Amino acid sequence: MEKYEIKIMEVNGDCVAGHKPGDSFRMEGFKTPGGLCIHAFHALYPWLQVLRFGGKIPWEKEKEVSVACPDHKNQVVVKVFRIE
C-alpha cells in the first residue's frame, strides 16, 4: 500500500485551519489524511496523483513535491514525501 507523509513547511500569515510549520500528516492508499485543510489537500491532489502513478516532477527531488495552498494572503507551503 502506498504511503505518504504530508508536512507543513511554511505558514506565511495566519492559516485559517491552524496549521503550523512542522505539522505532519500520514496518508495511506486511498484515504485522505485526517486533519489536513481541505483547501491544501485540493491544491496538492493533482501532484499527489503524479507521485501515486510513478511520475516525477522535473523541478523536484524524486518522490516528493512542494505545493502552496490557494490562499495567497495566508499561504501555507506543504511538502509531500512518498514513503517506501
PDB file of N, CA and C in Angstrom:
ATOM      1  N   MET A   1       0.848  -1.186   0.000  1.00  0.00           N
ATOM      2  CA  MET A   1       0.000   0.000   0.000  1.00  0.00           C
ATOM      3  C   MET A   1       0.885   1.238   0.000  1.00  0.00           C
ATOM      4  N   GLU A   2       0.528   2.193  -0.811  1.00  0.00           N
ATOM      5  CA  GLU A   2       1.291   3.439  -0.895  1.00  0.00           C
ATOM      6  C   GLU A   2       1.152   4.241   0.388  1.00  0.00           C
ATOM      7  N   LYS A   3       2.269   4.859   0.787  1.00  0.00           N
ATOM      8  CA  LYS A   3       2.256   5.688   1.988  1.00  0.00           C
ATOM      9  C   LYS A   3       2.936   7.006   1.676  1.00  0.00           C
ATOM     10  N   TYR A   4       2.386   8.078   2.256  1.00  0.00           N
ATOM     11  CA  TYR A   4       2.910   9.419   2.043  1.00  0.00           C
ATOM     12  C   TYR A   4       2.934  10.173   3.357  1.00  0.00           C
ATOM     13  N   GLU A   5       3.929  11.033   3.482  1.00  0.00           N
ATOM     14  CA  GLU A   5       3.955  11.976   4.590  1.00  0.00           C
ATOM     15  C   GLU A   5       3.716  13.357   3.993  1.00  0.00           C
ATOM     16  N   ILE A   6       2.789  14.082   4.578  1.00  0.00           N
ATOM     17  CA  ILE A   6       2.477  15.445   4.157  1.00  0.00           C
ATOM     18  C   ILE A   6       2.891  16.348   5.306  1.00  0.00           C
ATOM     19  N   LYS A   7       3.812  17.266   5.016  1.00  0.00           N
ATOM     20  CA  LYS A   7       4.377  18.086   6.083  1.00  0.00           C
ATOM     21  C   LYS A   7       4.191  19.570   5.768  1.00  0.00           C
ATOM     22  N   ILE A   8       3.774  20.340   6.782  1.00  0.00           N
ATOM     23  CA  ILE A   8       3.650  21.786   6.640  1.00  0.00           C
ATOM     24  C   ILE A   8       5.050  22.373   6.785  1.00  0.00           C
ATOM     25  N   MET A   9       5.517  23.046   5.719  1.00  0.00           N
ATOM     26  CA  MET A   9       6.867  23.587   5.696  1.00  0.00           C
ATOM     27  C   MET A   9       6.905  25.053   6.122  1.00  0.00           C
ATOM     28  N   GLU A  10       5.944  25.847   5.642  1.00  0.00           N
ATOM     29  CA  GLU A  10       5.907  27.285   5.930  1.00  0.00           C
ATOM     30  C   GLU A  10       4.465  27.742   6.100  1.00  0.00           C
ATOM     31  N   VAL A  11       4.270  28.735   6.931  1.00  0.00           N
ATOM     32  CA  VAL A  11       2.983  29.429   7.040  1.00  0.00           C
ATOM     33  C   VAL A  11       3.292  30.916   6.977  1.00  0.00           C
ATOM     34  N   ASN A  12       2.842  31.551   5.912  1.00  0.00           N
ATOM     35  CA  ASN A  12       3.065  32.984   5.714  1.00  0.00           C
ATOM     36  C   ASN A  12       1.751  33.710   5.969  1.00  0.00           C
ATOM     37  N   GLY A  13       1.572  34.192   7.169  1.00  0.00           N
ATOM     38  CA  GLY A  13       0.312  34.817   7.571  1.00  0.00           C
ATOM     39  C   GLY A  13      -0.354  33.953   8.621  1.00  0.00           C
ATOM     40  N   ASP A  14      -1.677  33.942   8.616  1.00  0.00           N
ATOM     41  CA  ASP A  14      -2.462  33.164   9.584  1.00  0.00           C
ATOM     42  C   ASP A  14      -3.262  32.099   8.852  1.00  0.00           C
ATOM     43  N   CYS A  15      -2.910  30.849   9.038  1.00  0.00           N
ATOM     44  CA  CYS A  15      -3.635  29.732   8.425  1.00  0.00           C
ATOM     45  C   CYS A  15      -4.975  29.578   9.131  1.00  0.00           C
ATOM     46  N   VAL A  16      -6.073  29.627   8.380  1.00  0.00           N
ATOM     47  CA  VAL A  16      -7.401  29.517   8.990  1.00  0.00           C
ATOM     48  C   VAL A  16      -7.648  28.125   9.575  1.00  0.00           C
ATOM     49  N   ALA A  17      -6.896  27.127   9.115  1.00  0.00           N
ATOM     50  CA  ALA A  17      -7.031  25.778   9.653  1.00  0.00           C
ATOM     51  C   ALA A  17      -6.131  25.553  10.862  1.00  0.00           C
ATOM     52  N   GLY A  18      -5.301  26.562  11.171  1.00  0.00           N
ATOM     53  CA  GLY A  18      -4.428  26.458  12.333  1.00  0.00           C
ATOM     54  C   GLY A  18      -3.154  25.659  12.111  1.00  0.00           C
ATOM     55  N   HIS A  19      -2.800  25.394  10.859  1.00  0.00           N
ATOM     56  CA  HIS A  19      -1.570  24.646  10.596  1.00  0.00           C
ATOM     57  C   HIS A  19      -0.343  25.466  10.979  1.00  0.00           C
ATOM     58  N   LYS A  20       0.664  24.778  11.464  1.00  0.00           N
ATOM     59  CA  LYS A  20       1.937  25.382  11.869  1.00  0.00           C
ATOM     60  C   LYS A  20       3.073  24.624  11.187  1.00  0.00           C
ATOM     61  N   PRO A  21       4.210  25.288  10.921  1.00  0.00           N
ATOM     62  CA  PRO A  21       5.359  24.571  10.367  1.00  0.00           C
ATOM     63  C   PRO A  21       5.723  23.375  11.247  1.00  0.00           C
ATOM     64  N   GLY A  22       5.955  22.261  10.605  1.00  0.00           N
ATOM     65  CA  GLY A  22       6.280  21.039  11.334  1.00  0.00           C
ATOM     66  C   GLY A  22       5.106  20.093  11.500  1.00  0.00           C
ATOM     67  N   ASP A  23       3.858  20.608  11.345  1.00  0.00           N
ATOM     68  CA  ASP A  23       2.709  19.703  11.398  1.00  0.00           C
ATOM     69  C   ASP A  23       2.895  18.636  10.333  1.00  0.00           C
ATOM     70  N   SER A  24       2.507  17.418  10.648  1.00  0.00           N
ATOM     71  CA  SER A  24       2.720  16.305   9.735  1.00  0.00           C
ATOM     72  C   SER A  24       1.482  15.417   9.699  1.00  0.00           C
ATOM     73  N   PHE A  25       1.194  14.887   8.533  1.00  0.00           N
ATOM     74  CA  PHE A  25       0.030  14.029   8.322  1.00  0.00           C
ATOM     75  C   PHE A  25       0.467  12.814   7.523  1.00  0.00           C
ATOM     76  N   ARG A  26      -0.105  11.671   7.821  1.00  0.00           N
ATOM     77  CA  ARG A  26       0.181  10.441   7.071  1.00  0.00           C
ATOM     78  C   ARG A  26      -1.006  10.112   6.181  1.00  0.00           C
ATOM     79  N   MET A  27      -0.690   9.621   5.007  1.00  0.00           N
ATOM     80  CA  MET A  27      -1.728   9.198   4.069  1.00  0.00           C
ATOM     81  C   MET A  27      -1.360   7.816   3.561  1.00  0.00           C
ATOM     82  N   GLU A  28      -2.320   6.895   3.609  1.00  0.00           N
ATOM     83  CA  GLU A  28      -2.098   5.543   3.118  1.00  0.00           C
ATOM     84  C   GLU A  28      -3.189   5.179   2.138  1.00  0.00           C
ATOM     85  N   GLY A  29      -2.794   4.634   0.994  1.00  0.00           N
ATOM     86  CA  GLY A  29      -3.759   4.183  -0.002  1.00  0.00           C
ATOM     87  C   GLY A  29      -4.664   5.289  -0.488  1.00  0.00           C
ATOM     88  N   PHE A  30      -5.958   5.036  -0.442  1.00  0.00           N
ATOM     89  CA  PHE A  30      -6.943   5.965  -0.991  1.00  0.00           C
ATOM     90  C   PHE A  30      -7.679   6.778   0.066  1.00  0.00           C
ATOM     91  N   LYS A  31      -7.150   6.845   1.272  1.00  0.00           N
ATOM     92  CA  LYS A  31      -7.796   7.605   2.344  1.00  0.00           C
ATOM     93  C   LYS A  31      -7.113   8.949   2.521  1.00  0.00           C
ATOM     94  N   THR A  32      -7.907  10.005   2.633  1.00  0.00           N
ATOM     95  CA  THR A  32      -7.346  11.338   2.850  1.00  0.00           C
ATOM     96  C   THR A  32      -6.803  11.432   4.275  1.00  0.00           C
ATOM     97  N   PRO A  33      -5.785  12.269   4.465  1.00  0.00           N
ATOM     98  CA  PRO A  33      -5.194  12.403   5.798  1.00  0.00           C
ATOM     99  C   PRO A  33      -6.081  13.231   6.722  1.00  0.00           C
ATOM    100  N   GLY A  34      -6.417  12.700   7.872  1.00  0.00           N
ATOM    101  CA  GLY A  34      -7.248  13.398   8.834  1.00  0.00           C
ATOM    102  C   GLY A  34      -6.587  14.648   9.381  1.00  0.00           C
ATOM    103  N   GLY A  35      -7.333  15.745   9.412  1.00  0.00           N
ATOM    104  CA  GLY A  35      -6.843  16.983   9.994  1.00  0.00           C
ATOM    105  C   GLY A  35      -6.213  17.957   9.022  1.00  0.00           C
ATOM    106  N   LEU A  36      -5.908  17.525   7.792  1.00  0.00           N
ATOM    107  CA  LEU A  36      -5.317  18.425   6.809  1.00  0.00           C
ATOM    108  C   LEU A  36      -6.414  19.275   6.179  1.00  0.00           C
ATOM    109  N   CYS A  37      -6.156  20.572   6.082  1.00  0.00           N
ATOM    110  CA  CYS A  37      -7.103  21.511   5.484  1.00  0.00           C
ATOM    111  C   CYS A  37      -7.522  21.042   4.093  1.00  0.00           C
ATOM    112  N   ILE A  38      -8.807  21.074   3.812  1.00  0.00           N
ATOM    113  CA  ILE A  38      -9.331  20.610   2.528  1.00  0.00           C
ATOM    114  C   ILE A  38      -8.793  21.440   1.365  1.00  0.00           C
ATOM    115  N   HIS A  39      -8.536  22.716   1.582  1.00  0.00           N
ATOM    116  CA  HIS A  39      -8.009  23.560   0.501  1.00  0.00           C
ATOM    117  C   HIS A  39      -6.568  23.180   0.162  1.00  0.00           C
ATOM    118  N   ALA A  40      -5.771  22.892   1.174  1.00  0.00           N
ATOM    119  CA  ALA A  40      -4.399  22.441   0.934  1.00  0.00           C
ATOM    120  C   ALA A  40      -4.410  21.085   0.236  1.00  0.00           C
ATOM    121  N   PHE A  41      -5.292  20.189   0.673  1.00  0.00           N
ATOM    122  CA  PHE A  41      -5.374  18.875   0.029  1.00  0.00           C
ATOM    123  C   PHE A  41      -5.797  19.010  -1.428  1.00  0.00           C
ATOM    124  N   HIS A  42      -6.749  19.890  -1.686  1.00  0.00           N
ATOM    125  CA  HIS A  42      -7.210  20.122  -3.057  1.00  0.00           C
ATOM    126  C   HIS A  42      -6.066  20.618  -3.941  1.00  0.00           C
ATOM    127  N   ALA A  43      -5.216  21.497  -3.418  1.00  0.00           N
ATOM    128  CA  ALA A  43      -4.091  22.027  -4.186  1.00  0.00           C
ATOM    129  C   ALA A  43      -3.040  20.954  -4.463  1.00  0.00           C
ATOM    130  N   LEU A  44      -2.809  20.054  -3.513  1.00  0.00           N
ATOM    131  CA  LEU A  44      -1.766  19.057  -3.712  1.00  0.00           C
ATOM    132  C   LEU A  44      -2.256  17.801  -4.414  1.00  0.00           C
ATOM    133  N   TYR A  45      -3.557  17.602  -4.512  1.00  0.00           N
ATOM    134  CA  TYR A  45      -4.105  16.371  -5.084  1.00  0.00           C
ATOM    135  C   TYR A  45      -3.569  16.031  -6.482  1.00  0.00           C
ATOM    136  N   PRO A  46      -3.550  16.967  -7.452  1.00  0.00           N
ATOM    137  CA  PRO A  46      -3.035  16.596  -8.771  1.00  0.00           C
ATOM    138  C   PRO A  46      -1.577  16.129  -8.734  1.00  0.00           C
ATOM    139  N   TRP A  47      -0.774  16.770  -7.903  1.00  0.00           N
ATOM    140  CA  TRP A  47       0.633  16.406  -7.795  1.00  0.00           C
ATOM    141  C   TRP A  47       0.797  15.076  -7.065  1.00  0.00           C
ATOM    142  N   LEU A  48      -0.070  14.833  -6.107  1.00  0.00           N
ATOM    143  CA  LEU A  48      -0.068  13.557  -5.397  1.00  0.00           C
ATOM    144  C   LEU A  48      -0.366  12.421  -6.369  1.00  0.00           C
ATOM    145  N   GLN A  49      -1.275  12.656  -7.297  1.00  0.00           N
ATOM    146  CA  GLN A  49      -1.605  11.645  -8.298  1.00  0.00           C
ATOM    147  C   GLN A  49      -0.393  11.331  -9.181  1.00  0.00           C
ATOM    148  N   VAL A  50       0.392  12.337  -9.523  1.00  0.00           N
ATOM    149  CA  VAL A  50       1.611  12.104 -10.308  1.00  0.00           C
ATOM    150  C   VAL A  50       2.516  11.138  -9.552  1.00  0.00           C
ATOM    151  N   LEU A  51       2.738  11.398  -8.265  1.00  0.00           N
ATOM    152  CA  LEU A  51       3.583  10.516  -7.461  1.00  0.00           C
ATOM    153  C   LEU A  51       2.980   9.124  -7.335  1.00  0.00           C
ATOM    154  N   ARG A  52       1.670   9.063  -7.135  1.00  0.00           N
ATOM    155  CA  ARG A  52       0.997   7.775  -6.955  1.00  0.00           C
ATOM    156  C   ARG A  52       1.169   6.861  -8.158  1.00  0.00           C
ATOM    157  N   PHE A  53       1.228   7.438  -9.342  1.00  0.00           N
ATOM    158  CA  PHE A  53       1.343   6.628 -10.549  1.00  0.00           C
ATOM    159  C   PHE A  53       2.766   6.547 -11.084  1.00  0.00           C
ATOM    160  N   GLY A  54       3.748   6.830 -10.192  1.00  0.00           N
ATOM    161  CA  GLY A  54       5.140   6.622 -10.532  1.00  0.00           C
ATOM    162  C   GLY A  54       5.803   7.759 -11.290  1.00  0.00           C
ATOM    163  N   GLY A  55       5.108   8.878 -11.432  1.00  0.00           N
ATOM    164  CA  GLY A  55       5.676  10.002 -12.153  1.00  0.00           C
ATOM    165  C   GLY A  55       6.656  10.797 -11.320  1.00  0.00           C
ATOM    166  N   LYS A  56       7.335  11.704 -11.980  1.00  0.00           N
ATOM    167  CA  LYS A  56       8.319  12.564 -11.331  1.00  0.00           C
ATOM    168  C   LYS A  56       8.060  13.999 -11.771  1.00  0.00           C
ATOM    169  N   ILE A  57       8.157  14.929 -10.851  1.00  0.00           N
ATOM    170  CA  ILE A  57       8.026  16.346 -11.174  1.00  0.00           C
ATOM    171  C   ILE A  57       9.442  16.837 -11.474  1.00  0.00           C
ATOM    172  N   PRO A  58       9.703  17.316 -12.703  1.00  0.00           N
ATOM    173  CA  PRO A  58      11.073  17.608 -13.137  1.00  0.00           C
ATOM    174  C   PRO A  58      11.850  18.569 -12.239  1.00  0.00           C
ATOM    175  N   TRP A  59      11.188  19.517 -11.614  1.00  0.00           N
ATOM    176  CA  TRP A  59      11.902  20.508 -10.800  1.00  0.00           C
ATOM    177  C   TRP A  59      11.984  20.126  -9.330  1.00  0.00           C
ATOM    178  N   GLU A  60      11.505  18.945  -8.974  1.00  0.00           N
ATOM    179  CA  GLU A  60      11.530  18.476  -7.583  1.00  0.00           C
ATOM    180  C   GLU A  60      12.443  17.262  -7.454  1.00  0.00           C
ATOM    181  N   LYS A  61      12.825  16.957  -6.209  1.00  0.00           N
ATOM    182  CA  LYS A  61      13.544  15.712  -5.953  1.00  0.00           C
ATOM    183  C   LYS A  61      12.582  14.554  -6.215  1.00  0.00           C
ATOM    184  N   GLU A  62      13.151  13.405  -6.551  1.00  0.00           N
ATOM    185  CA  GLU A  62      12.319  12.243  -6.808  1.00  0.00           C
ATOM    186  C   GLU A  62      11.514  11.874  -5.561  1.00  0.00           C
ATOM    187  N   LYS A  63      10.272  11.486  -5.764  1.00  0.00           N
ATOM    188  CA  LYS A  63       9.368  11.015  -4.712  1.00  0.00           C
ATOM    189  C   LYS A  63       8.915  12.100  -3.745  1.00  0.00           C
ATOM    190  N   GLU A  64       8.965  13.367  -4.172  1.00  0.00           N
ATOM    191  CA  GLU A  64       8.436  14.432  -3.325  1.00  0.00           C
ATOM    192  C   GLU A  64       7.997  15.617  -4.180  1.00  0.00           C
ATOM    193  N   VAL A  65       7.148  16.451  -3.594  1.00  0.00           N
ATOM    194  CA  VAL A  65       6.678  17.661  -4.272  1.00  0.00           C
ATOM    195  C   VAL A  65       6.266  18.683  -3.216  1.00  0.00           C
ATOM    196  N   SER A  66       6.498  19.962  -3.518  1.00  0.00           N
ATOM    197  CA  SER A  66       6.058  21.062  -2.657  1.00  0.00           C
ATOM    198  C   SER A  66       4.931  21.806  -3.353  1.00  0.00           C
ATOM    199  N   VAL A  67       3.917  22.179  -2.585  1.00  0.00           N
ATOM    200  CA  VAL A  67       2.735  22.851  -3.115  1.00  0.00           C
ATOM    201  C   VAL A  67       2.317  23.933  -2.131  1.00  0.00           C
ATOM    202  N   ALA A  68       1.799  25.036  -2.648  1.00  0.00           N
ATOM    203  CA  ALA A  68       1.272  26.107  -1.798  1.00  0.00           C
ATOM    204  C   ALA A  68      -0.247  26.071  -1.843  1.00  0.00           C
ATOM    205  N   CYS A  69      -0.872  26.331  -0.716  1.00  0.00           N
ATOM    206  CA  CYS A  69      -2.328  26.390  -0.685  1.00  0.00           C
ATOM    207  C   CYS A  69      -2.798  27.611  -1.490  1.00  0.00           C
ATOM    208  N   PRO A  70      -4.064  27.652  -1.859  1.00  0.00           N
ATOM    209  CA  PRO A  70      -4.545  28.732  -2.723  1.00  0.00           C
ATOM    210  C   PRO A  70      -4.762  30.085  -2.044  1.00  0.00           C
ATOM    211  N   ASP A  71      -4.631  30.168  -0.744  1.00  0.00           N
ATOM    212  CA  ASP A  71      -4.832  31.440  -0.050  1.00  0.00           C
ATOM    213  C   ASP A  71      -3.572  32.292  -0.189  1.00  0.00           C
ATOM    214  N   HIS A  72      -3.555  33.214  -1.133  1.00  0.00           N
ATOM    215  CA  HIS A  72      -2.352  33.988  -1.427  1.00  0.00           C
ATOM    216  C   HIS A  72      -1.988  34.985  -0.325  1.00  0.00           C
ATOM    217  N   LYS A  73      -2.929  35.313   0.551  1.00  0.00           N
ATOM    218  CA  LYS A  73      -2.627  36.248   1.642  1.00  0.00           C
ATOM    219  C   LYS A  73      -2.118  35.538   2.894  1.00  0.00           C
ATOM    220  N   ASN A  74      -2.469  34.291   3.048  1.00  0.00           N
ATOM    221  CA  ASN A  74      -2.053  33.491   4.202  1.00  0.00           C
ATOM    222  C   ASN A  74      -1.567  32.135   3.706  1.00  0.00           C
ATOM    223  N   GLN A  75      -0.553  32.166   2.891  1.00  0.00           N
ATOM    224  CA  GLN A  75      -0.124  30.972   2.178  1.00  0.00           C
ATOM    225  C   GLN A  75       0.582  29.954   3.073  1.00  0.00           C
ATOM    226  N   VAL A  76       0.194  28.705   2.875  1.00  0.00           N
ATOM    227  CA  VAL A  76       0.799  27.577   3.570  1.00  0.00           C
ATOM    228  C   VAL A  76       1.504  26.729   2.517  1.00  0.00           C
ATOM    229  N   VAL A  77       2.774  26.416   2.757  1.00  0.00           N
ATOM    230  CA  VAL A  77       3.535  25.568   1.845  1.00  0.00           C
ATOM    231  C   VAL A  77       3.573  24.161   2.429  1.00  0.00           C
ATOM    232  N   VAL A  78       3.159  23.199   1.614  1.00  0.00           N
ATOM    233  CA  VAL A  78       3.039  21.804   2.020  1.00  0.00           C
ATOM    234  C   VAL A  78       3.997  20.982   1.176  1.00  0.00           C
ATOM    235  N   LYS A  79       4.650  20.028   1.812  1.00  0.00           N
ATOM    236  CA  LYS A  79       5.550  19.121   1.077  1.00  0.00           C
ATOM    237  C   LYS A  79       5.063  17.698   1.251  1.00  0.00           C
ATOM    238  N   VAL A  80       5.044  16.948   0.169  1.00  0.00           N
ATOM    239  CA  VAL A  80       4.613  15.547   0.185  1.00  0.00           C
ATOM    240  C   VAL A  80       5.820  14.660  -0.103  1.00  0.00           C
ATOM    241  N   PHE A  81       6.013  13.657   0.726  1.00  0.00           N
ATOM    242  CA  PHE A  81       7.086  12.686   0.555  1.00  0.00           C
ATOM    243  C   PHE A  81       6.466  11.310   0.354  1.00  0.00           C
ATOM    244  N   ARG A  82       6.863  10.601  -0.695  1.00  0.00           N
ATOM    245  CA  ARG A  82       6.418   9.221  -0.862  1.00  0.00           C
ATOM    246  C   ARG A  82       7.316   8.357   0.014  1.00  0.00           C
ATOM    247  N   ILE A  83       6.704   7.531   0.853  1.00  0.00           N
ATOM    248  CA  ILE A  83       7.427   6.654   1.772  1.00  0.00           C
ATOM    249  C   ILE A  83       7.428   5.263   1.168  1.00  0.00           C
ATOM    250  N   GLU A  84       8.596   4.662   1.081  1.00  0.00           N
ATOM    251  CA  GLU A  84       8.718   3.304   0.514  1.00  0.00           C
ATOM    252  C   GLU A  84       8.209   2.291   1.502  1.00  0.00           C
TER     253      GLU A  84
END
